[in-house]
Amino acid sequence: MARETCKKILKKICAEAGKRESSPFCMEVRRHIESCPDCRIQAASLRGTLELYWCLERKEVPPDVSARLRKALNLGNDQDRPTSS
């Protein structure tokens, strides 16, 4: 698969996160991952990371660490972050 297609799909994943598995978007992502060896490896790595994450005890991240991480990931400031219920 062309590298640009992979980048496009990744941007779409980030923009559309939270959709139902049966949504057209999720089906498109699934088809791409099945046909792209590079994305299949990335998806497997992400799946493993998420499994480890959900096993961890939840702790509050210090505000300075959160701000530095958001800056490094170019995610904007903490005010843009949705609040948890």
N, C-alpha and C. Protein backbone atom coordinates (compact mmCIF):
# COMPACT_ATOMS: atom_id res chain seq x y z
N MET A 1 0.84 -1.18 0.00
CA MET A 1 0.00 0.00 0.00
C MET A 1 0.88 1.24 0.00
N ALA A 2 0.43 2.26 -0.64
CA ALA A 2 1.17 3.52 -0.69
C ALA A 2 1.22 4.15 0.69
N ARG A 3 2.38 4.70 1.03
CA ARG A 3 2.57 5.32 2.34
C ARG A 3 1.55 6.44 2.59
N GLU A 4 1.20 7.21 1.55
CA GLU A 4 0.22 8.29 1.71
C GLU A 4 -1.15 7.75 2.10
N THR A 5 -1.52 6.59 1.56
CA THR A 5 -2.80 5.98 1.93
C THR A 5 -2.80 5.63 3.41
N CYS A 6 -1.70 5.09 3.89
CA CYS A 6 -1.58 4.74 5.31
C CYS A 6 -1.71 5.99 6.19
N LYS A 7 -1.04 7.07 5.79
CA LYS A 7 -1.13 8.31 6.55
C LYS A 7 -2.56 8.84 6.57
N LYS A 8 -3.23 8.75 5.42
CA LYS A 8 -4.61 9.22 5.31
C LYS A 8 -5.51 8.41 6.25
N ILE A 9 -5.34 7.11 6.24
CA ILE A 9 -6.15 6.24 7.11
C ILE A 9 -5.87 6.55 8.57
N LEU A 10 -4.60 6.74 8.94
CA LEU A 10 -4.27 7.04 10.33
C LEU A 10 -4.90 8.35 10.77
N LYS A 11 -4.85 9.37 9.93
CA LYS A 11 -5.48 10.65 10.26
C LYS A 11 -6.99 10.46 10.45
N LYS A 12 -7.59 9.65 9.61
CA LYS A 12 -9.02 9.40 9.70
C LYS A 12 -9.35 8.65 10.99
N ILE A 13 -8.50 7.70 11.36
CA ILE A 13 -8.71 6.95 12.60
C ILE A 13 -8.72 7.92 13.77
N CYS A 14 -7.74 8.80 13.81
CA CYS A 14 -7.66 9.77 14.91
C CYS A 14 -8.87 10.70 14.92
N ALA A 15 -9.32 11.12 13.76
CA ALA A 15 -10.45 12.04 13.67
C ALA A 15 -11.77 11.37 14.00
N GLU A 16 -11.88 10.09 13.72
CA GLU A 16 -13.15 9.39 13.85
C GLU A 16 -13.22 8.41 15.03
N ALA A 17 -12.20 8.45 15.89
CA ALA A 17 -12.15 7.51 17.01
C ALA A 17 -13.46 7.56 17.79
N GLY A 18 -13.93 6.41 18.19
CA GLY A 18 -15.14 6.35 18.98
C GLY A 18 -16.37 5.91 18.18
N LYS A 19 -16.22 5.70 16.89
CA LYS A 19 -17.36 5.24 16.08
C LYS A 19 -17.66 3.77 16.39
N ARG A 20 -18.87 3.35 16.09
CA ARG A 20 -19.24 1.94 16.28
C ARG A 20 -18.50 1.05 15.27
N GLU A 21 -18.24 -0.18 15.68
CA GLU A 21 -17.52 -1.13 14.81
C GLU A 21 -18.21 -1.37 13.49
N SER A 22 -19.51 -1.25 13.45
CA SER A 22 -20.25 -1.52 12.21
C SER A 22 -20.39 -0.29 11.32
N SER A 23 -19.82 0.83 11.74
CA SER A 23 -19.94 2.06 10.94
C SER A 23 -19.15 1.91 9.64
N PRO A 24 -19.54 2.63 8.59
CA PRO A 24 -18.79 2.58 7.33
C PRO A 24 -17.32 2.92 7.52
N PHE A 25 -17.02 3.86 8.39
CA PHE A 25 -15.64 4.23 8.65
C PHE A 25 -14.85 3.04 9.19
N CYS A 26 -15.38 2.38 10.22
CA CYS A 26 -14.68 1.24 10.83
C CYS A 26 -14.51 0.09 9.83
N MET A 27 -15.50 -0.11 9.01
CA MET A 27 -15.40 -1.16 7.99
C MET A 27 -14.29 -0.82 6.99
N GLU A 28 -14.19 0.46 6.61
CA GLU A 28 -13.13 0.89 5.69
C GLU A 28 -11.75 0.67 6.32
N VAL A 29 -11.62 1.02 7.59
CA VAL A 29 -10.34 0.84 8.29
C VAL A 29 -10.00 -0.64 8.35
N ARG A 30 -10.97 -1.47 8.69
CA ARG A 30 -10.73 -2.91 8.78
C ARG A 30 -10.25 -3.47 7.44
N ARG A 31 -10.90 -3.05 6.35
CA ARG A 31 -10.49 -3.53 5.02
C ARG A 31 -9.06 -3.09 4.69
N HIS A 32 -8.74 -1.85 5.04
CA HIS A 32 -7.39 -1.36 4.76
C HIS A 32 -6.36 -2.15 5.55
N ILE A 33 -6.61 -2.35 6.84
CA ILE A 33 -5.66 -3.07 7.69
C ILE A 33 -5.47 -4.50 7.18
N GLU A 34 -6.55 -5.13 6.74
CA GLU A 34 -6.44 -6.49 6.22
C GLU A 34 -5.60 -6.56 4.95
N SER A 35 -5.58 -5.47 4.17
CA SER A 35 -4.86 -5.48 2.90
C SER A 35 -3.47 -4.85 2.97
N CYS A 36 -3.11 -4.25 4.10
CA CYS A 36 -1.84 -3.51 4.20
C CYS A 36 -0.97 -4.13 5.31
N PRO A 37 0.12 -4.79 4.94
CA PRO A 37 0.98 -5.42 5.96
C PRO A 37 1.52 -4.43 6.99
N ASP A 38 1.93 -3.24 6.55
CA ASP A 38 2.46 -2.25 7.49
C ASP A 38 1.41 -1.84 8.52
N CYS A 39 0.21 -1.55 8.05
CA CYS A 39 -0.85 -1.13 8.97
C CYS A 39 -1.31 -2.29 9.85
N ARG A 40 -1.25 -3.52 9.34
CA ARG A 40 -1.60 -4.68 10.14
C ARG A 40 -0.64 -4.80 11.33
N ILE A 41 0.65 -4.57 11.10
CA ILE A 41 1.64 -4.61 12.18
C ILE A 41 1.38 -3.50 13.18
N GLN A 42 1.11 -2.29 12.68
CA GLN A 42 0.83 -1.16 13.56
C GLN A 42 -0.42 -1.42 14.39
N ALA A 43 -1.44 -1.98 13.78
CA ALA A 43 -2.69 -2.27 14.50
C ALA A 43 -2.46 -3.30 15.60
N ALA A 44 -1.66 -4.32 15.30
CA ALA A 44 -1.36 -5.34 16.30
C ALA A 44 -0.58 -4.74 17.47
N SER A 45 0.34 -3.86 17.16
CA SER A 45 1.12 -3.18 18.20
C SER A 45 0.21 -2.31 19.06
N LEU A 46 -0.67 -1.56 18.42
CA LEU A 46 -1.60 -0.70 19.15
C LEU A 46 -2.53 -1.54 20.02
N ARG A 47 -3.02 -2.65 19.48
CA ARG A 47 -3.91 -3.53 20.24
C ARG A 47 -3.20 -4.02 21.51
N GLY A 48 -1.94 -4.42 21.37
CA GLY A 48 -1.17 -4.87 22.54
C GLY A 48 -0.97 -3.76 23.56
N THR A 49 -0.67 -2.57 23.08
CA THR A 49 -0.49 -1.42 23.96
C THR A 49 -1.78 -1.12 24.72
N LEU A 50 -2.89 -1.13 24.01
CA LEU A 50 -4.18 -0.85 24.66
C LEU A 50 -4.53 -1.92 25.69
N GLU A 51 -4.23 -3.17 25.40
CA GLU A 51 -4.51 -4.24 26.37
C GLU A 51 -3.70 -4.02 27.64
N LEU A 52 -2.44 -3.63 27.49
CA LEU A 52 -1.62 -3.34 28.67
C LEU A 52 -2.16 -2.14 29.43
N TYR A 53 -2.55 -1.12 28.69
CA TYR A 53 -3.08 0.11 29.31
C TYR A 53 -4.30 -0.19 30.17
N TRP A 54 -5.23 -0.97 29.65
CA TRP A 54 -6.47 -1.22 30.39
C TRP A 54 -6.25 -2.08 31.62
N CYS A 55 -5.10 -2.74 31.71
CA CYS A 55 -4.78 -3.54 32.90
C CYS A 55 -4.18 -2.70 34.02
N LEU A 56 -3.75 -1.49 33.69
CA LEU A 56 -3.07 -0.64 34.67
C LEU A 56 -4.05 0.05 35.61
N GLU A 57 -3.57 0.31 36.82
CA GLU A 57 -4.33 1.10 37.78
C GLU A 57 -4.36 2.54 37.29
N ARG A 58 -5.51 3.18 37.38
CA ARG A 58 -5.65 4.56 36.91
C ARG A 58 -5.12 5.53 37.96
N LYS A 59 -4.24 6.42 37.53
CA LYS A 59 -3.72 7.46 38.40
C LYS A 59 -3.80 8.78 37.66
N GLU A 60 -3.97 9.85 38.41
CA GLU A 60 -4.02 11.19 37.83
C GLU A 60 -2.62 11.58 37.35
N VAL A 61 -2.55 12.09 36.13
CA VAL A 61 -1.29 12.55 35.57
C VAL A 61 -1.07 13.99 36.06
N PRO A 62 0.13 14.27 36.59
CA PRO A 62 0.40 15.64 37.05
C PRO A 62 0.21 16.63 35.90
N PRO A 63 -0.35 17.81 36.19
CA PRO A 63 -0.64 18.79 35.14
C PRO A 63 0.57 19.14 34.28
N ASP A 64 1.77 19.25 34.87
CA ASP A 64 2.94 19.61 34.08
C ASP A 64 3.32 18.50 33.10
N VAL A 65 3.16 17.26 33.52
CA VAL A 65 3.46 16.13 32.64
C VAL A 65 2.43 16.08 31.51
N SER A 66 1.18 16.28 31.85
CA SER A 66 0.12 16.28 30.84
C SER A 66 0.36 17.38 29.80
N ALA A 67 0.72 18.57 30.27
CA ALA A 67 0.96 19.70 29.36
C ALA A 67 2.14 19.41 28.44
N ARG A 68 3.22 18.85 28.98
CA ARG A 68 4.39 18.53 28.15
C ARG A 68 4.06 17.46 27.11
N LEU A 69 3.31 16.46 27.52
CA LEU A 69 2.93 15.38 26.60
C LEU A 69 2.03 15.92 25.49
N ARG A 70 1.04 16.71 25.86
CA ARG A 70 0.13 17.28 24.86
C ARG A 70 0.90 18.16 23.88
N LYS A 71 1.88 18.90 24.39
CA LYS A 71 2.70 19.75 23.51
C LYS A 71 3.53 18.87 22.58
N ALA A 72 4.15 17.82 23.11
CA ALA A 72 4.97 16.93 22.29
C ALA A 72 4.15 16.24 21.21
N LEU A 73 2.90 15.93 21.52
CA LEU A 73 2.02 15.26 20.56
C LEU A 73 1.24 16.25 19.71
N ASN A 74 1.48 17.53 19.94
CA ASN A 74 0.82 18.60 19.18
C ASN A 74 -0.70 18.49 19.30
N LEU A 75 -1.18 18.31 20.54
CA LEU A 75 -2.61 18.12 20.78
C LEU A 75 -3.29 19.36 21.34
N GLY A 76 -2.60 20.46 21.45
CA GLY A 76 -3.23 21.66 21.99
C GLY A 76 -3.14 21.67 23.49
N ASN A 77 -3.89 22.58 24.10
CA ASN A 77 -3.83 22.70 25.56
C ASN A 77 -4.87 21.84 26.24
N ASP A 78 -4.75 21.74 27.56
CA ASP A 78 -5.66 20.88 28.33
C ASP A 78 -7.11 21.34 28.26
N GLN A 79 -7.35 22.60 27.93
CA GLN A 79 -8.72 23.10 27.85
C GLN A 79 -9.46 22.48 26.67
N ASP A 80 -8.72 21.94 25.69
CA ASP A 80 -9.34 21.29 24.54
C ASP A 80 -9.77 19.86 24.86
N ARG A 81 -9.28 19.33 25.98
CA ARG A 81 -9.51 17.94 26.34
C ARG A 81 -10.93 17.76 26.86
N PRO A 82 -11.63 16.72 26.38
CA PRO A 82 -12.97 16.47 26.92
C PRO A 82 -12.87 16.04 28.37
N THR A 83 -13.85 16.39 29.15
CA THR A 83 -13.86 16.00 30.56
C THR A 83 -14.47 14.62 30.69
N SER A 84 -13.97 13.85 31.66
CA SER A 84 -14.53 12.52 31.88
C SER A 84 -15.68 12.61 32.86
N SER A 85 -16.63 11.69 32.74
CA SER A 85 -17.80 11.71 33.61
C SER A 85 -17.61 10.79 34.77
